[in-house]
Amino acid sequence: MRKTRFDLILVECQGNLVSVDSRVPNTVVEEAIELGLIPEFSGYRVECREPTFYDSRFDFLLTNDQRRVFVEVKSCTLVVDGLALFPDAPTRRGIRHLLRLYDALSSGRSAIIFLIQRGDANALRPNWHADPAFAAAFEEDQLKNVEAYAYDSRVTLGASVLTDACRSRFRKECELT
């Protein structure tokens, strides 16, 4: 049952529209994968939404003829001086997803995609200040070969559209091209 009669979809922050609708990132990423717009998943298709893996659910299970990829999508809305930071608050669920993404490597590939839902970011990195445990788990996952990508989006009153991406794996910071 709903607690409110309305949805908060967009906010304006320093002249930029920011999508705060939690349903948007998965839709944008799924469409981009299906259209072949994310080169890292070229040739893959969405086999299942919200697949269960142990005690967690990921956003997507992708497959091609030979491999599987578990994918978790995270929405990033916090940008400070052109730097997108994730998360904007502590997230135990996010840490659990990172741990399970590592476990999912036993079944094939696993990846986390950060969709930056505003147009004023030049790079993305873990937010050590807001959640040091998430940031540490994220860096540990990078050492264990969990793939991580940041995608920029153009947000308008009518749509949120994937625009740009960090084409390589994260290190400490990922510049958007």
C-alpha atoms as a PDB file:
ATOM      1  CA  MET A   1       0.000   0.000   0.000  1.00  0.00           C
ATOM      2  CA  ARG A   2       1.249   3.481  -0.902  1.00  0.00           C
ATOM      3  CA  LYS A   3       2.080   5.938   1.825  1.00  0.00           C
ATOM      4  CA  THR A   4       1.649   9.001  -0.388  1.00  0.00           C
ATOM      5  CA  ARG A   5      -0.505   9.914  -3.359  1.00  0.00           C
ATOM      6  CA  PHE A   6       2.347  11.422  -5.368  1.00  0.00           C
ATOM      7  CA  ASP A   7       5.755  10.447  -6.770  1.00  0.00           C
ATOM      8  CA  LEU A   8       8.862  12.620  -6.665  1.00  0.00           C
ATOM      9  CA  ILE A   9      10.422  12.295 -10.102  1.00  0.00           C
ATOM     10  CA  LEU A  10      12.765  15.242 -10.681  1.00  0.00           C
ATOM     11  CA  VAL A  11      14.433  17.964  -8.684  1.00  0.00           C
ATOM     12  CA  GLU A  12      16.415  20.947  -9.850  1.00  0.00           C
ATOM     13  CA  CYS A  13      19.800  21.440  -8.239  1.00  0.00           C
ATOM     14  CA  GLN A  14      21.996  24.388  -9.194  1.00  0.00           C
ATOM     15  CA  GLY A  15      20.335  24.631 -12.592  1.00  0.00           C
ATOM     16  CA  ASN A  16      20.519  20.895 -13.349  1.00  0.00           C
ATOM     17  CA  LEU A  17      17.624  18.474 -13.497  1.00  0.00           C
ATOM     18  CA  VAL A  18      18.262  15.426 -11.331  1.00  0.00           C
ATOM     19  CA  SER A  19      16.190  12.265 -11.729  1.00  0.00           C
ATOM     20  CA  VAL A  20      15.340  10.906  -8.276  1.00  0.00           C
ATOM     21  CA  ASP A  21      12.878   8.282  -9.498  1.00  0.00           C
ATOM     22  CA  SER A  22      14.328   4.944  -8.368  1.00  0.00           C
ATOM     23  CA  ARG A  23      12.570   3.111 -11.212  1.00  0.00           C
ATOM     24  CA  VAL A  24      14.421   4.984 -13.960  1.00  0.00           C
ATOM     25  CA  PRO A  25      17.972   3.554 -13.775  1.00  0.00           C
ATOM     26  CA  ASN A  26      16.962  -0.056 -14.418  1.00  0.00           C
ATOM     27  CA  THR A  27      14.757   0.960 -17.331  1.00  0.00           C
ATOM     28  CA  VAL A  28      17.488   3.102 -18.912  1.00  0.00           C
ATOM     29  CA  VAL A  29      20.171   0.409 -18.465  1.00  0.00           C
ATOM     30  CA  GLU A  30      17.924  -2.412 -19.703  1.00  0.00           C
ATOM     31  CA  GLU A  31      17.009  -0.481 -22.856  1.00  0.00           C
ATOM     32  CA  ALA A  32      20.663   0.384 -23.471  1.00  0.00           C
ATOM     33  CA  ILE A  33      21.724  -3.269 -23.118  1.00  0.00           C
ATOM     34  CA  GLU A  34      18.952  -4.481 -25.422  1.00  0.00           C
ATOM     35  CA  LEU A  35      19.892  -1.836 -28.021  1.00  0.00           C
ATOM     36  CA  GLY A  36      23.587  -2.736 -27.834  1.00  0.00           C
ATOM     37  CA  LEU A  37      24.561   0.700 -26.501  1.00  0.00           C
ATOM     38  CA  ILE A  38      26.740  -0.656 -23.711  1.00  0.00           C
ATOM     39  CA  PRO A  39      29.810  -2.134 -25.422  1.00  0.00           C
ATOM     40  CA  GLU A  40      30.821  -4.198 -22.384  1.00  0.00           C
ATOM     41  CA  PHE A  41      27.616  -6.216 -22.820  1.00  0.00           C
ATOM     42  CA  SER A  42      27.480  -6.329 -26.602  1.00  0.00           C
ATOM     43  CA  GLY A  43      25.896  -9.590 -27.696  1.00  0.00           C
ATOM     44  CA  TYR A  44      24.176 -10.129 -24.345  1.00  0.00           C
ATOM     45  CA  ARG A  45      20.459 -10.025 -23.698  1.00  0.00           C
ATOM     46  CA  VAL A  46      18.448  -9.635 -20.517  1.00  0.00           C
ATOM     47  CA  GLU A  47      17.441 -13.162 -19.576  1.00  0.00           C
ATOM     48  CA  CYS A  48      15.925 -12.324 -16.204  1.00  0.00           C
ATOM     49  CA  ARG A  49      15.054  -9.260 -14.127  1.00  0.00           C
ATOM     50  CA  GLU A  50      15.725  -9.482 -10.391  1.00  0.00           C
ATOM     51  CA  PRO A  51      17.403 -12.913 -10.388  1.00  0.00           C
ATOM     52  CA  THR A  52      17.978 -14.421  -6.966  1.00  0.00           C
ATOM     53  CA  PHE A  53      21.516 -15.310  -5.979  1.00  0.00           C
ATOM     54  CA  TYR A  54      21.923 -16.763  -2.492  1.00  0.00           C
ATOM     55  CA  ASP A  55      20.244 -14.268  -0.147  1.00  0.00           C
ATOM     56  CA  SER A  56      20.307 -11.371  -2.625  1.00  0.00           C
ATOM     57  CA  ARG A  57      18.588 -10.243  -5.767  1.00  0.00           C
ATOM     58  CA  PHE A  58      20.467  -8.520  -8.535  1.00  0.00           C
ATOM     59  CA  ASP A  59      18.856  -6.265 -11.098  1.00  0.00           C
ATOM     60  CA  PHE A  60      19.618  -8.383 -14.171  1.00  0.00           C
ATOM     61  CA  LEU A  61      20.953 -11.684 -15.384  1.00  0.00           C
ATOM     62  CA  LEU A  62      22.402 -11.256 -18.877  1.00  0.00           C
ATOM     63  CA  THR A  63      23.306 -14.119 -21.186  1.00  0.00           C
ATOM     64  CA  ASN A  64      24.864 -14.725 -24.549  1.00  0.00           C
ATOM     65  CA  ASP A  65      25.511 -18.102 -26.116  1.00  0.00           C
ATOM     66  CA  GLN A  66      28.335 -18.991 -23.726  1.00  0.00           C
ATOM     67  CA  ARG A  67      28.324 -16.772 -20.625  1.00  0.00           C
ATOM     68  CA  ARG A  68      26.195 -15.270 -17.878  1.00  0.00           C
ATOM     69  CA  VAL A  69      26.580 -11.879 -16.231  1.00  0.00           C
ATOM     70  CA  PHE A  70      24.891 -10.788 -13.014  1.00  0.00           C
ATOM     71  CA  VAL A  71      24.413  -7.014 -13.076  1.00  0.00           C
ATOM     72  CA  GLU A  72      23.518  -4.618 -10.274  1.00  0.00           C
ATOM     73  CA  VAL A  73      22.495  -1.051 -11.183  1.00  0.00           C
ATOM     74  CA  LYS A  74      22.991   1.827  -8.763  1.00  0.00           C
ATOM     75  CA  SER A  75      21.561   5.322  -9.136  1.00  0.00           C
ATOM     76  CA  CYS A  76      23.963   8.167  -8.406  1.00  0.00           C
ATOM     77  CA  THR A  77      22.472  11.608  -7.762  1.00  0.00           C
ATOM     78  CA  LEU A  78      25.154  13.299  -5.633  1.00  0.00           C
ATOM     79  CA  VAL A  79      27.649  15.483  -7.502  1.00  0.00           C
ATOM     80  CA  VAL A  80      30.130  17.822  -5.814  1.00  0.00           C
ATOM     81  CA  ASP A  81      32.269  20.073  -8.016  1.00  0.00           C
ATOM     82  CA  GLY A  82      31.804  17.779 -11.020  1.00  0.00           C
ATOM     83  CA  LEU A  83      32.553  14.593  -9.068  1.00  0.00           C
ATOM     84  CA  ALA A  84      29.746  12.045  -8.726  1.00  0.00           C
ATOM     85  CA  LEU A  85      29.871  10.253  -5.370  1.00  0.00           C
ATOM     86  CA  PHE A  86      28.155   6.996  -4.448  1.00  0.00           C
ATOM     87  CA  PRO A  87      26.491   6.346  -2.090  1.00  0.00           C
ATOM     88  CA  ASP A  88      24.975   9.531  -0.688  1.00  0.00           C
ATOM     89  CA  ALA A  89      24.105   7.743   2.588  1.00  0.00           C
ATOM     90  CA  PRO A  90      25.152   4.490   4.310  1.00  0.00           C
ATOM     91  CA  THR A  91      23.881   1.423   2.462  1.00  0.00           C
ATOM     92  CA  ARG A  92      24.033  -2.031   4.021  1.00  0.00           C
ATOM     93  CA  ARG A  93      22.091  -3.389   1.056  1.00  0.00           C
ATOM     94  CA  GLY A  94      24.718  -1.939  -1.309  1.00  0.00           C
ATOM     95  CA  ILE A  95      27.505  -3.636   0.641  1.00  0.00           C
ATOM     96  CA  ARG A  96      25.637  -6.963   0.514  1.00  0.00           C
ATOM     97  CA  HIS A  97      25.286  -6.561  -3.275  1.00  0.00           C
ATOM     98  CA  LEU A  98      29.035  -5.981  -3.597  1.00  0.00           C
ATOM     99  CA  LEU A  99      29.802  -9.112  -1.579  1.00  0.00           C
ATOM    100  CA  ARG A 100      27.383 -11.170  -3.650  1.00  0.00           C
ATOM    101  CA  LEU A 101      28.761  -9.786  -6.934  1.00  0.00           C
ATOM    102  CA  TYR A 102      32.094 -11.264  -5.939  1.00  0.00           C
ATOM    103  CA  ASP A 103      30.406 -14.587  -5.138  1.00  0.00           C
ATOM    104  CA  ALA A 104      28.632 -14.451  -8.512  1.00  0.00           C
ATOM    105  CA  LEU A 105      31.977 -14.599 -10.331  1.00  0.00           C
ATOM    106  CA  SER A 106      31.779 -18.346  -9.764  1.00  0.00           C
ATOM    107  CA  SER A 107      28.849 -18.371 -12.221  1.00  0.00           C
ATOM    108  CA  GLY A 108      30.490 -16.178 -14.866  1.00  0.00           C
ATOM    109  CA  ARG A 109      30.939 -12.423 -14.946  1.00  0.00           C
ATOM    110  CA  SER A 110      29.489  -9.904 -12.542  1.00  0.00           C
ATOM    111  CA  ALA A 111      29.234  -6.142 -12.814  1.00  0.00           C
ATOM    112  CA  ILE A 112      27.937  -3.043 -11.122  1.00  0.00           C
ATOM    113  CA  ILE A 113      26.704  -0.129 -13.223  1.00  0.00           C
ATOM    114  CA  PHE A 114      26.383   3.340 -11.750  1.00  0.00           C
ATOM    115  CA  LEU A 115      23.901   5.513 -13.637  1.00  0.00           C
ATOM    116  CA  ILE A 116      24.611   9.154 -12.884  1.00  0.00           C
ATOM    117  CA  GLN A 117      21.186  10.752 -13.103  1.00  0.00           C
ATOM    118  CA  ARG A 118      22.262  14.317 -13.772  1.00  0.00           C
ATOM    119  CA  GLY A 119      24.377  15.979 -16.411  1.00  0.00           C
ATOM    120  CA  ASP A 120      27.052  17.799 -14.407  1.00  0.00           C
ATOM    121  CA  ALA A 121      29.477  15.003 -13.491  1.00  0.00           C
ATOM    122  CA  ASN A 122      32.933  14.513 -14.978  1.00  0.00           C
ATOM    123  CA  ALA A 123      33.952  11.505 -12.879  1.00  0.00           C
ATOM    124  CA  LEU A 124      32.624   9.080 -10.279  1.00  0.00           C
ATOM    125  CA  ARG A 125      34.203   7.561  -7.195  1.00  0.00           C
ATOM    126  CA  PRO A 126      33.117   5.838  -3.984  1.00  0.00           C
ATOM    127  CA  ASN A 127      31.943   8.225  -1.282  1.00  0.00           C
ATOM    128  CA  TRP A 128      34.305   7.469   1.609  1.00  0.00           C
ATOM    129  CA  HIS A 129      32.758  10.215   3.732  1.00  0.00           C
ATOM    130  CA  ALA A 130      29.152   8.962   3.536  1.00  0.00           C
ATOM    131  CA  ASP A 131      29.880   5.230   3.749  1.00  0.00           C
ATOM    132  CA  PRO A 132      33.473   4.086   4.308  1.00  0.00           C
ATOM    133  CA  ALA A 133      32.342   0.447   4.562  1.00  0.00           C
ATOM    134  CA  PHE A 134      30.765   0.572   1.078  1.00  0.00           C
ATOM    135  CA  ALA A 135      33.815   2.349  -0.375  1.00  0.00           C
ATOM    136  CA  ALA A 136      36.169  -0.260   1.105  1.00  0.00           C
ATOM    137  CA  ALA A 137      33.997  -3.151  -0.127  1.00  0.00           C
ATOM    138  CA  PHE A 138      33.857  -1.554  -3.583  1.00  0.00           C
ATOM    139  CA  GLU A 139      37.631  -1.248  -3.798  1.00  0.00           C
ATOM    140  CA  GLU A 140      38.004  -4.834  -2.586  1.00  0.00           C
ATOM    141  CA  ASP A 141      35.598  -6.001  -5.314  1.00  0.00           C
ATOM    142  CA  GLN A 142      37.719  -4.206  -7.902  1.00  0.00           C
ATOM    143  CA  LEU A 143      40.740  -6.200  -6.792  1.00  0.00           C
ATOM    144  CA  LYS A 144      38.677  -9.373  -7.185  1.00  0.00           C
ATOM    145  CA  ASN A 145      37.655  -8.567 -10.799  1.00  0.00           C
ATOM    146  CA  VAL A 146      34.039  -7.512 -10.315  1.00  0.00           C
ATOM    147  CA  GLU A 147      33.456  -5.156 -13.242  1.00  0.00           C
ATOM    148  CA  ALA A 148      32.323  -1.593 -12.531  1.00  0.00           C
ATOM    149  CA  TYR A 149      31.125   1.019 -15.002  1.00  0.00           C
ATOM    150  CA  ALA A 150      29.781   4.540 -14.711  1.00  0.00           C
ATOM    151  CA  TYR A 151      27.337   5.879 -17.257  1.00  0.00           C
ATOM    152  CA  ASP A 152      26.252   9.460 -17.564  1.00  0.00           C
ATOM    153  CA  SER A 153      22.706  10.393 -18.509  1.00  0.00           C
ATOM    154  CA  ARG A 154      20.971  13.421 -19.937  1.00  0.00           C
ATOM    155  CA  VAL A 155      17.928  14.241 -17.838  1.00  0.00           C
ATOM    156  CA  THR A 156      15.080  16.287 -19.304  1.00  0.00           C
ATOM    157  CA  LEU A 157      11.463  16.820 -18.336  1.00  0.00           C
ATOM    158  CA  GLY A 158      10.494  14.008 -20.718  1.00  0.00           C
ATOM    159  CA  ALA A 159      13.233  11.402 -20.359  1.00  0.00           C
ATOM    160  CA  SER A 160      16.488  10.173 -18.907  1.00  0.00           C
ATOM    161  CA  VAL A 161      18.848   8.988 -21.652  1.00  0.00           C
ATOM    162  CA  LEU A 162      22.204   7.214 -21.435  1.00  0.00           C
ATOM    163  CA  THR A 163      24.863   9.483 -22.905  1.00  0.00           C
ATOM    164  CA  ASP A 164      28.434   8.645 -21.954  1.00  0.00           C
ATOM    165  CA  ALA A 165      30.440   6.067 -20.146  1.00  0.00           C
ATOM    166  CA  CYS A 166      33.640   5.241 -18.425  1.00  0.00           C
ATOM    167  CA  ARG A 167      34.954   2.587 -20.769  1.00  0.00           C
ATOM    168  CA  SER A 168      37.469   1.054 -18.402  1.00  0.00           C
ATOM    169  CA  ARG A 169      37.312  -0.501 -14.979  1.00  0.00           C
ATOM    170  CA  PHE A 170      37.394   1.784 -11.996  1.00  0.00           C
ATOM    171  CA  ARG A 171      40.488   2.480 -10.036  1.00  0.00           C
ATOM    172  CA  LYS A 172      40.104   5.187  -7.402  1.00  0.00           C
ATOM    173  CA  GLU A 173      38.193   7.441  -9.762  1.00  0.00           C
ATOM    174  CA  CYS A 174      36.584   7.015 -13.145  1.00  0.00           C
ATOM    175  CA  GLU A 175      36.522   9.856 -15.649  1.00  0.00           C
ATOM    176  CA  LEU A 176      33.563  10.053 -17.967  1.00  0.00           C
ATOM    177  CA  THR A 177      34.522  10.372 -21.618  1.00  0.00           C
END
